[in-house]
Protein backbone atom coordinates (compact mmCIF):
# COMPACT_ATOMS: atom_id res chain seq x y z
CA MET A 1 80.41 81.21 69.68
CA ASP A 2 81.04 77.48 69.57
CA ILE A 3 78.70 74.65 70.56
CA PRO A 4 79.98 74.20 74.17
CA GLU A 5 79.31 77.89 74.81
CA ILE A 6 75.83 77.65 73.34
CA LEU A 7 75.06 74.64 75.54
CA GLY A 8 76.54 76.29 78.63
CA GLY A 9 73.14 77.48 79.81
CA GLU A 10 71.27 80.76 79.79
CA SER A 11 73.31 83.76 80.77
CA ARG A 12 73.79 87.45 80.15
CA TYR A 13 74.62 86.55 76.55
CA ILE A 14 72.39 83.53 75.76
CA GLU A 15 68.69 82.75 75.98
CA TYR A 16 66.90 79.56 74.91
CA LYS A 17 63.51 79.07 73.31
CA SER A 18 62.22 75.57 72.58
CA THR A 19 60.16 76.96 69.68
CA ARG A 20 59.37 80.36 68.23
CA PRO A 21 56.58 81.77 70.42
CA GLU A 22 53.40 82.85 68.65
CA LYS A 23 53.55 86.17 70.48
CA SER A 24 56.71 87.77 69.14
CA LYS A 25 56.98 90.17 72.11
CA ILE A 26 58.07 87.26 74.32
CA TYR A 27 61.45 87.08 72.60
CA ILE A 28 61.64 90.59 71.14
CA LYS A 29 62.16 91.89 74.68
CA THR A 30 65.32 89.79 74.87
CA VAL A 31 66.48 91.01 71.47
CA VAL A 32 66.11 94.62 72.65
CA SER A 33 67.97 93.87 75.89
CA PHE A 34 70.89 92.34 73.97
CA CYS A 35 71.14 95.46 71.81
CA ASN A 36 71.10 97.70 74.88
CA GLY A 37 73.86 95.60 76.42
CA VAL A 38 76.87 94.00 74.82
CA GLY A 39 75.00 91.72 72.44
CA GLY A 40 73.91 88.11 72.76
CA LYS A 41 72.39 85.06 71.10
CA LEU A 42 68.80 83.88 71.04
CA VAL A 43 68.72 80.12 70.37
CA PHE A 44 65.52 78.46 69.13
CA GLY A 45 65.29 74.68 69.54
CA ILE A 46 66.67 74.24 73.08
CA GLU A 47 64.51 73.94 76.21
CA ASP A 48 65.36 76.66 78.69
CA LYS A 49 64.87 74.63 81.89
CA THR A 50 66.34 71.26 80.89
CA HIS A 51 68.82 72.51 78.24
CA LYS A 52 67.59 69.61 76.12
CA VAL A 53 68.25 70.07 72.41
CA ILE A 54 64.96 69.35 70.61
CA GLY A 55 65.80 71.13 67.33
CA ILE A 56 63.58 72.73 64.70
CA ARG A 57 61.90 70.53 62.09
CA GLU A 58 63.71 70.69 58.78
CA GLU A 59 60.55 71.41 56.73
CA ILE A 60 59.87 74.68 58.63
CA LEU A 61 63.44 75.88 59.21
CA PHE A 62 63.53 78.62 56.59
CA LYS A 63 59.98 79.74 57.34
CA GLU A 64 60.88 80.13 61.01
CA MET A 65 64.07 82.03 60.22
CA ASP A 66 62.12 84.46 58.02
CA ALA A 67 59.48 84.98 60.71
CA ILE A 68 62.12 85.73 63.36
CA ALA A 69 63.95 88.19 61.08
CA ASN A 70 60.72 89.99 60.12
CA ALA A 71 59.55 90.29 63.74
CA ILE A 72 62.84 91.76 64.87
CA SER A 73 62.96 94.19 61.97
CA ASP A 74 59.32 95.31 62.28
CA LEU A 75 58.84 95.54 66.05
CA CYS A 76 62.06 97.20 67.23
CA GLU A 77 63.11 100.84 67.26
CA PRO A 78 65.70 101.78 66.07
CA MET A 79 65.80 99.00 63.50
CA ILE A 80 67.77 95.90 64.53
CA VAL A 81 69.31 93.68 61.86
CA PRO A 82 70.21 90.28 63.35
CA ASP A 83 72.49 87.61 61.95
CA ILE A 84 70.27 84.51 61.75
CA TYR A 85 71.74 81.12 60.94
CA MET A 86 71.37 77.37 61.51
CA GLN A 87 73.55 75.35 63.87
CA THR A 88 73.73 71.57 64.11
CA ILE A 89 73.91 70.30 67.70
CA GLU A 90 73.57 66.65 68.67
CA ASP A 91 72.38 65.79 65.14
CA LYS A 92 69.60 68.32 65.46
CA THR A 93 69.27 71.75 63.86
CA VAL A 94 68.69 74.87 65.93
CA ILE A 95 68.22 78.49 64.86
CA VAL A 96 70.57 81.12 66.27
CA ALA A 97 69.68 84.82 66.16
CA ASP A 98 72.97 86.62 66.79
CA ILE A 99 72.28 90.14 68.10
CA ALA A 100 75.14 92.63 68.07
CA GLU A 101 75.50 95.47 70.56
CA GLY A 102 73.60 98.47 69.26
CA VAL A 103 75.14 101.85 68.48
CA GLN A 104 71.89 103.86 68.62
CA LYS A 105 70.81 103.13 72.19
CA PRO A 106 68.28 102.95 73.70
CA TYR A 107 66.49 100.22 71.73
CA TYR A 108 62.86 99.50 72.56
CA ILE A 109 59.68 97.78 71.39
CA LYS A 110 58.07 100.23 68.99
CA SER A 111 54.47 99.63 70.09
CA GLU A 112 55.27 100.25 73.78
CA GLY A 113 57.36 103.38 73.38
CA ILE A 114 60.73 104.19 74.86
CA ASP A 115 59.57 104.56 78.49
CA LEU A 116 57.82 101.17 78.72
CA GLY A 117 59.43 99.22 75.90
CA THR A 118 63.13 99.53 76.82
CA TYR A 119 64.66 96.37 78.28
CA ILE A 120 68.05 95.42 79.69
CA ARG A 121 69.78 92.13 80.40
CA ILE A 122 70.61 91.29 84.03
CA ALA A 123 72.43 87.98 84.47
CA GLY A 124 70.19 85.50 82.65
CA THR A 125 66.97 87.51 82.75
CA THR A 126 65.39 90.31 80.72
CA ARG A 127 63.96 93.23 82.72
CA PRO A 128 62.39 96.64 82.00
CA ALA A 129 64.83 99.54 82.23
CA ASP A 130 64.11 102.27 84.78
CA GLU A 131 64.29 105.96 83.94
CA TYR A 132 67.91 106.29 85.08
CA MET A 133 69.01 103.38 82.94
CA ILE A 134 67.17 104.82 79.93
CA GLN A 135 68.95 108.13 80.45
CA GLU A 136 72.26 106.30 80.69
CA LEU A 137 71.49 104.46 77.45
CA ARG A 138 70.60 107.78 75.77
CA LEU A 139 73.98 109.23 76.71
CA GLU A 140 75.75 106.11 75.53
CA GLY A 141 73.89 106.15 72.23
CA ALA A 142 74.69 109.83 71.73
CA ARG A 143 78.32 109.15 72.66
CA ARG A 144 78.15 111.79 75.34
CA SER A 145 79.57 111.75 78.82
CA PHE A 146 77.30 112.94 81.65
CA ASP A 147 80.12 114.72 83.44
CA GLU A 148 80.80 116.82 80.32
CA MET A 149 77.24 118.17 80.18
CA PRO A 150 76.27 121.56 81.69
CA CYS A 151 75.18 121.43 85.33
CA VAL A 152 71.67 122.89 85.25
CA GLY A 153 71.00 125.56 87.87
CA LEU A 154 74.59 126.01 89.03
CA GLU A 155 76.42 129.28 88.44
CA ILE A 156 80.11 129.99 89.02
CA THR A 157 82.44 132.96 89.03
CA GLU A 158 85.97 133.26 87.78
CA GLU A 159 87.11 133.24 91.41
CA ASP A 160 85.34 129.90 91.95
CA ILE A 161 87.19 128.46 88.97
CA LYS A 162 90.57 129.76 90.13
CA LYS A 163 89.94 128.26 93.56
CA LEU A 164 89.35 124.84 92.01
CA CYS A 165 92.51 125.20 89.91
CA LYS A 166 94.52 125.95 93.05
CA GLN A 167 93.02 123.04 94.99
CA MET A 168 93.71 120.59 92.19
CA LYS A 169 97.37 121.58 92.06
CA GLU A 170 97.65 121.24 95.85
CA VAL A 171 96.26 117.71 95.65
CA ALA A 172 98.63 116.85 92.79
CA LEU A 173 101.63 118.09 94.79
CA ALA A 174 100.52 116.19 97.90
CA ASN A 175 100.33 112.97 95.87
CA THR A 176 103.77 113.43 94.28
CA ILE A 177 106.72 111.80 96.03
CA ASN A 178 109.96 113.41 94.90
CA GLU A 179 110.88 117.03 94.40
CA GLU A 180 111.86 116.62 90.75
CA ASP A 181 108.40 115.38 89.85
CA LYS A 182 106.82 118.17 91.88
CA LYS A 183 108.61 120.73 89.69
CA LYS A 184 106.99 119.17 86.61
CA ILE A 185 103.47 119.79 87.86
CA LYS A 186 102.05 122.77 86.04
CA ASP A 187 99.35 125.13 87.22
CA VAL A 188 95.83 124.32 86.11
CA SER A 189 94.45 127.13 83.99
CA ILE A 190 90.88 128.05 83.15
CA GLU A 191 91.65 127.13 79.56
CA GLN A 192 92.78 123.69 80.73
CA LEU A 193 89.51 123.11 82.58
CA ILE A 194 87.63 124.09 79.43
CA SER A 195 89.65 121.65 77.30
CA TRP A 196 88.94 118.89 79.84
CA LYS A 197 85.23 119.88 79.68
CA ILE A 198 85.07 120.45 83.42
CA ILE A 199 83.70 123.89 82.63
CA GLY A 200 82.45 125.52 79.44
CA GLU A 201 82.39 129.00 77.94
CA ARG A 202 79.55 130.65 76.05
CA ASN A 203 79.43 134.28 74.90
CA GLY A 204 82.36 135.18 77.11
CA LYS A 205 80.74 133.69 80.23
CA TYR A 206 81.88 130.55 82.04
CA TYR A 207 79.45 127.84 83.08
CA PRO A 208 80.03 124.64 85.09
CA ASN A 209 79.65 121.17 83.70
CA ASN A 210 78.62 118.25 85.88
CA ALA A 211 82.29 117.35 86.41
CA TYR A 212 82.77 120.70 88.17
CA ALA A 213 79.89 119.94 90.53
CA ILE A 214 81.26 116.47 91.27
CA LEU A 215 84.78 117.74 91.93
CA THR A 216 83.63 120.55 94.22
CA GLY A 217 81.02 118.49 96.05
CA ASN A 218 78.03 120.56 94.92
CA TYR A 219 74.72 119.16 96.09
CA ARG A 220 73.18 119.30 92.60
CA ILE A 221 74.99 116.11 91.67
CA PRO A 222 74.52 113.34 94.26
CA ASN A 223 77.96 112.18 95.30
CA MET A 224 78.06 110.24 98.53
CA ILE A 225 80.07 107.28 99.77
CA GLN A 226 78.38 105.11 102.38
CA CYS A 227 80.73 103.03 104.52
CA ALA A 228 79.64 100.35 106.97
CA VAL A 229 80.88 97.44 109.08
CA PHE A 230 78.73 94.32 109.43
CA LYS A 231 79.08 91.33 111.72
CA GLY A 232 79.22 88.08 109.78
CA SER A 233 78.99 87.80 106.01
CA THR A 234 75.61 89.48 105.45
CA LYS A 235 73.94 92.80 106.23
CA ALA A 236 71.82 91.18 108.96
CA VAL A 237 73.85 92.57 111.89
CA PHE A 238 74.88 96.20 111.54
CA VAL A 239 77.90 97.40 113.56
CA ASP A 240 79.03 100.82 112.32
CA HIS A 241 78.12 103.29 109.59
CA LYS A 242 79.51 106.51 108.16
CA GLU A 243 78.47 108.71 105.21
CA TYR A 244 80.83 111.05 103.40
CA ILE A 245 79.79 113.99 101.23
CA GLY A 246 82.12 116.57 99.69
CA LYS A 247 84.80 117.14 97.09
CA ALA A 248 85.53 114.08 94.98
CA TRP A 249 89.16 113.72 96.10
CA GLU A 250 88.17 114.16 99.75
CA LEU A 251 85.63 111.36 99.44
CA VAL A 252 88.40 109.04 98.26
CA GLU A 253 90.58 109.91 101.25
CA GLU A 254 87.77 109.65 103.82
CA ALA A 255 86.52 106.29 102.54
CA TYR A 256 90.08 104.95 102.26
CA ASN A 257 90.88 105.84 105.86
CA TYR A 258 87.57 104.35 107.03
CA VAL A 259 88.52 101.00 105.53
CA LEU A 260 92.00 101.13 107.07
CA ARG A 261 90.50 101.82 110.50
CA ASN A 262 88.28 98.79 110.26
CA ILE A 263 90.46 96.01 108.87
CA ARG A 264 93.13 94.01 110.59
CA ILE A 265 96.70 95.16 110.80
CA ARG A 266 99.96 93.54 111.82
CA THR A 267 103.08 95.30 112.97
CA THR A 268 106.65 94.48 112.07
CA PHE A 269 109.91 96.09 113.13
CA ARG A 270 112.96 96.79 111.05
CA GLY A 271 115.48 97.39 113.77
CA VAL A 272 113.74 99.97 115.96
CA TYR A 273 111.48 101.16 113.17
CA ARG A 274 107.91 100.11 113.29
CA ARG A 275 105.78 99.35 110.21
CA ASP A 276 102.06 98.59 110.11
CA ILE A 277 100.95 96.19 107.36
CA TYR A 278 97.27 95.94 106.50
CA GLU A 279 95.65 92.61 105.67
CA ILE A 280 94.49 94.00 102.30
CA PRO A 281 97.07 95.88 100.19
CA THR A 282 96.47 99.60 100.62
CA PHE A 283 97.02 100.28 96.91
CA ALA A 284 94.19 97.91 96.04
CA ILE A 285 91.83 99.60 98.51
CA ARG A 286 92.57 103.11 97.25
CA GLU A 287 92.50 102.14 93.56
CA LEU A 288 89.10 100.45 93.85
CA ILE A 289 87.66 103.47 95.67
CA VAL A 290 89.06 105.81 93.00
CA ASN A 291 87.59 103.58 90.30
CA ALA A 292 84.21 103.71 92.00
CA VAL A 293 84.24 107.52 92.12
CA VAL A 294 85.50 108.02 88.56
CA HIS A 295 83.58 105.29 86.77
CA ARG A 296 80.25 105.27 88.59
CA SER A 297 77.06 106.44 86.91
CA TYR A 298 76.11 109.89 88.16
CA VAL A 299 72.81 109.60 86.32
CA ASP A 300 71.90 106.86 88.80
CA ARG A 301 70.92 108.44 92.13
CA GLY A 302 72.37 105.57 94.11
CA ASN A 303 75.51 105.88 96.26
CA ILE A 304 78.85 104.18 96.31
CA GLN A 305 78.71 101.61 99.10
CA ILE A 306 81.72 100.17 100.91
CA ALA A 307 80.88 97.28 103.21
CA ILE A 308 83.31 95.50 105.51
CA TYR A 309 82.22 91.99 106.44
CA ASP A 310 84.03 89.40 108.54
CA ASP A 311 85.05 87.58 105.37
CA ARG A 312 85.45 90.32 102.75
CA LEU A 313 85.65 93.94 101.67
CA GLU A 314 82.89 94.82 99.20
CA ILE A 315 82.80 97.97 97.05
CA LEU A 316 79.65 98.74 95.04
CA SER A 317 79.59 101.36 92.30
CA PRO A 318 76.21 102.45 90.84
CA GLY A 319 75.64 101.93 87.15
CA LYS A 320 76.35 99.27 84.59
CA LEU A 321 79.80 98.77 83.14
CA PRO A 322 80.55 101.64 80.77
CA LYS A 323 80.14 101.24 77.01
CA THR A 324 81.65 97.96 75.78
CA GLN A 325 83.57 97.21 78.99
CA THR A 326 83.54 93.64 80.31
CA PHE A 327 85.14 91.99 83.33
CA GLU A 328 87.52 90.15 81.02
CA SER A 329 88.70 93.29 79.22
CA MET A 330 89.02 95.16 82.51
CA LYS A 331 91.26 92.46 83.99
CA LYS A 332 93.47 92.73 80.91
CA GLY A 333 93.93 96.46 81.41
CA ARG A 334 91.61 97.67 78.64
CA SER A 335 89.87 100.71 80.06
CA LYS A 336 86.57 102.31 79.04
CA ILE A 337 86.03 105.67 80.69
CA ARG A 338 82.45 106.65 81.56
CA ASN A 339 83.28 110.09 83.02
CA GLU A 340 86.13 111.39 80.87
CA ALA A 341 86.33 114.91 82.32
CA LEU A 342 86.48 113.53 85.85
CA ALA A 343 89.11 110.98 84.82
CA LYS A 344 91.33 113.73 83.38
CA ALA A 345 91.09 115.68 86.63
CA PHE A 346 91.96 112.63 88.72
CA PHE A 347 94.84 111.78 86.43
CA TYR A 348 96.27 115.28 86.84
CA MET A 349 95.88 115.10 90.63
CA LYS A 350 97.87 111.83 90.71
CA LEU A 351 94.88 109.93 92.03
CA MET A 352 94.88 107.65 88.99
CA GLU A 353 97.73 105.87 87.31
CA LYS A 354 97.92 105.29 83.58
CA TRP A 355 94.47 104.46 82.28
CA GLY A 356 93.76 100.78 82.37
CA SER A 357 96.69 99.78 84.60
CA GLY A 358 94.87 99.93 87.93
CA ILE A 359 92.80 96.72 87.95
CA PRO A 360 95.62 94.40 86.77
CA ARG A 361 97.86 95.83 89.51
CA VAL A 362 95.08 95.43 92.10
CA MET A 363 94.75 91.77 91.15
CA LYS A 364 98.52 91.22 91.34
CA GLU A 365 98.99 92.91 94.71
CA VAL A 366 96.04 91.11 96.25
CA CYS A 367 97.32 87.73 95.05
CA ASP A 368 100.90 88.56 96.12
CA GLU A 369 99.55 89.11 99.63
CA GLY A 370 98.28 85.51 99.62
CA LEU A 371 94.62 86.46 99.20
CA ASP A 372 92.22 85.06 96.64
CA SER A 373 91.89 87.02 93.43
CA PRO A 374 89.25 89.78 93.64
CA VAL A 375 85.76 88.72 92.57
CA PHE A 376 83.87 90.99 90.14
CA GLU A 377 80.09 90.79 90.11
CA GLY A 378 77.14 92.52 88.48
CA GLY A 379 77.91 94.90 85.66
CA GLU A 380 74.36 95.24 84.35
CA VAL A 381 72.98 97.68 86.96
CA ASP A 382 75.69 97.94 89.61
CA PHE A 383 79.33 96.98 89.60
CA ILE A 384 80.64 95.10 92.66
CA VAL A 385 84.18 94.10 93.65
CA ASN A 386 84.86 91.71 96.54
CA ILE A 387 88.25 91.14 98.16
CA TYR A 388 88.10 88.17 100.51
CA ARG A 389 89.95 88.40 103.82
CA LYS A 390 92.02 85.66 105.40
CA GLU A 391 90.30 83.61 108.06
CA ILE A 392 91.61 84.37 111.53
CA LEU A 393 91.53 81.31 113.78
CA SER A 394 92.55 83.13 116.94
CA ASP A 395 92.07 86.61 118.30
CA ILE A 396 95.66 86.63 119.51
CA ASN A 397 98.27 87.19 116.82
CA THR A 398 102.01 87.22 117.19
CA ILE A 399 103.75 90.25 115.76
CA GLU A 400 107.00 89.23 114.11
CA THR A 401 109.96 91.54 114.73
CA ASP A 402 113.44 91.77 113.34
CA GLU A 403 116.38 91.39 115.68
CA THR A 404 117.02 94.68 117.45
CA LYS A 405 120.45 96.19 118.11
CA ALA A 406 120.19 96.09 121.87
CA ALA A 407 123.23 95.87 124.08
CA THR A 408 122.34 92.37 125.18
CA ASN A 409 122.07 91.29 121.55
CA GLU A 410 119.09 89.19 122.50
CA THR A 411 116.04 88.86 120.36
CA ASN A 412 112.68 89.53 121.91
CA ASN A 413 109.43 88.58 120.22
CA ASN A 414 106.76 91.21 120.46
CA LYS A 415 103.22 90.02 120.80
CA ALA A 416 100.08 91.95 119.99
CA LEU A 417 96.66 91.46 121.40
CA ILE A 418 94.25 92.47 118.69
CA ASN A 419 90.96 93.50 120.19
CA SER A 420 87.86 94.61 118.35
CA VAL A 421 86.80 97.70 120.31
CA ASN A 422 83.02 97.83 120.52
CA ASN A 423 83.20 95.33 117.64
CA ALA A 424 82.98 98.32 115.34
CA THR A 425 86.26 99.88 114.46
CA ASN A 426 88.70 97.01 115.10
CA VAL A 427 91.06 99.47 116.74
CA ILE A 428 94.32 97.69 117.37
CA LYS A 429 96.30 98.40 120.48
CA VAL A 430 99.77 96.94 120.41
CA ALA A 431 101.62 96.37 123.66
CA THR A 432 105.28 96.24 122.71
CA ASP A 433 108.32 95.37 124.84
CA SER A 434 111.32 97.41 123.77
CA THR A 435 114.89 96.21 123.91
CA LYS A 436 116.29 99.66 123.20
CA THR A 437 116.87 101.78 126.33
CA GLY A 438 115.21 105.16 126.28
CA THR A 439 112.58 104.48 123.62
CA LYS A 440 108.90 104.83 124.44
CA THR A 441 105.84 103.96 122.45
CA MET A 442 102.55 105.84 122.22
CA ALA A 443 100.74 102.91 120.62
CA ASP A 444 98.47 102.57 123.65
CA THR A 445 97.29 106.19 123.36
CA ASN A 446 93.85 106.73 121.89
CA GLU A 447 94.68 110.35 121.04
CA PHE A 448 96.50 109.36 117.85
CA THR A 449 95.58 107.39 114.72
CA THR A 450 97.56 104.32 113.70
CA ASP A 451 99.41 106.30 111.00
CA GLU A 452 100.20 109.11 113.45
CA ARG A 453 101.65 106.65 115.96
CA SER A 454 103.80 105.10 113.26
CA VAL A 455 105.19 108.51 112.27
CA ILE A 456 105.86 109.43 115.91
CA ASP A 457 107.75 106.17 116.56
CA VAL A 458 109.95 106.55 113.46
CA VAL A 459 110.70 110.25 114.00
CA ARG A 460 111.60 109.67 117.66
CA ASP A 461 114.41 107.30 116.62
CA ASN A 462 115.46 109.24 113.53
CA PRO A 463 115.03 113.00 114.13
CA THR A 464 116.55 114.00 110.77
CA ILE A 465 114.32 111.73 108.69
CA THR A 466 112.72 113.18 105.55
CA GLN A 467 109.17 112.72 104.33
CA GLN A 468 110.50 110.34 101.69
CA GLY A 469 112.19 108.35 104.44
CA LEU A 470 108.92 108.17 106.37
CA LEU A 471 107.17 106.87 103.27
CA GLU A 472 109.75 104.13 102.74
CA ILE A 473 109.75 102.94 106.36
CA THR A 474 106.05 103.24 107.27
CA GLY A 475 104.46 102.53 103.90
CA ILE A 476 102.09 105.47 104.44
CA SER A 477 101.24 107.48 101.32
CA MET A 478 103.03 110.79 100.76
CA GLY A 479 99.73 112.69 100.77
CA THR A 480 98.83 111.26 104.18
CA ILE A 481 102.31 112.03 105.56
CA LYS A 482 101.98 115.65 104.38
CA ARG A 483 98.76 115.96 106.36
CA ILE A 484 100.00 114.13 109.44
CA MET A 485 103.16 116.22 110.00
CA PRO A 486 101.47 119.64 110.43
CA ARG A 487 98.68 117.98 112.42
CA LEU A 488 101.19 116.56 114.90
CA GLN A 489 102.92 119.94 115.09
CA LYS A 490 99.59 121.58 115.87
CA LYS A 491 99.00 119.01 118.63
CA GLY A 492 102.39 119.92 120.08
CA VAL A 493 103.79 116.42 119.64
CA LEU A 494 106.36 117.35 116.96
CA ILE A 495 108.63 120.37 117.06
CA ARG A 496 110.91 121.43 114.22
CA GLU A 497 114.33 122.60 115.43
CA GLY A 498 116.59 124.46 113.01
CA ASN A 499 115.99 125.23 109.34
CA ARG A 500 114.39 123.08 106.68
CA ARG A 501 117.66 121.68 105.34
CA ALA A 502 119.81 121.29 108.44
CA GLY A 503 117.16 121.02 111.16
CA GLN A 504 115.66 118.04 112.90
CA TRP A 505 112.47 116.89 114.53
CA LYS A 506 111.85 116.59 118.26
CA VAL A 507 109.14 114.40 119.76
CA VAL A 508 107.54 115.92 122.84
CA GLU A 509 106.78 113.05 125.20
């Protein structure tokens, strides 16, 4: 670390002391917190409030360095060996105690014991670790993943395991676009789940690991996503709230759809085909929710929280950043997996792309949409991502349309009145003039979701369209399309005429 960084002020990685305190515990707490985090530097000879460099007198430099080294070595458990050296700043000499990230976590003050003497670094302060954080540090120090540990008190049968295998393949197929790739998806076997450490085997009997409980939505492992809409930019005025509990992949879908229902949307037309475009890229929304589910701390009893404010979308994931992960490394695509068994399951189910690629793509797609780059916060206790929305100066937005192929060859501009219904769900009703004789829109019908209306409109004008064609025109994910089509058939809105290859769809008006 160079001099400008040292003088940059106290932070997660730096703490100042004007002199070496007589009571060693005052700075030993910080040393312990650095070891339990990603390391840091304790600088003696700089005032913490003014950042004034006062230095250490030359005649006591080596004595002070020895005292600091001895205190750290004697008072900490496990033993911490710092790198202590002198640094000249502004013609004065300071002492720097460089503390590396520990590999035997948790570190604590020996005299206080592990429960009271364990400290962590939060922003620029040192704080006692709670019991959940200590447990997380234990796992990290033991190089164990919580989701790979046996789920105490939960028993399963072979039929339960086979059911999960079947469900995972169904999800994988639903998230796969083309038929060739579908053929490559193999069945999930019991042996595969064992190798992924989702389940274990002992003495010829299967037992579930925590990953199994998370995937199946078992109550023994808290796994809830709380979604809410707030008026303004704070939690002062509550508008709407929803809690989701269940299978891990279902939580992703439910939370994702909640966000889509409560953010702004604009509609464009390509010829007679309608396409809804959300103000925040849908890939970014889904990827951040997946990340929250896969990378959260399940030791922490907190919940994933998704908050929609007037100015931003905020996603909070419980737990500090895993292992040696930092915001900088994450943005560069370097991934550290906290829950490896869960990650393998999500990767198989096509809910995750190649490890490490998600965040860089999120940042690119958000910026390509003209939004500010996502803001990452926290990392010591909770991990928070904010995507800031564009300011809307008027409640009335014009919906831009392509030129239609009407007989008059005239171009009509469609306008949309975007109303916030009950100021809760931001349901958008689009009143559209059509230049094509015989076409009708169901966009003003509350019976259907936005995605369902989009599918209905496209199918009405193209009865032979395939699911791949629907994906390309509407921008709706293949998994969602596969759920919408049978749902619309059940409602009696869509009827399939003819066989699968040569048939066509009919919209019942």
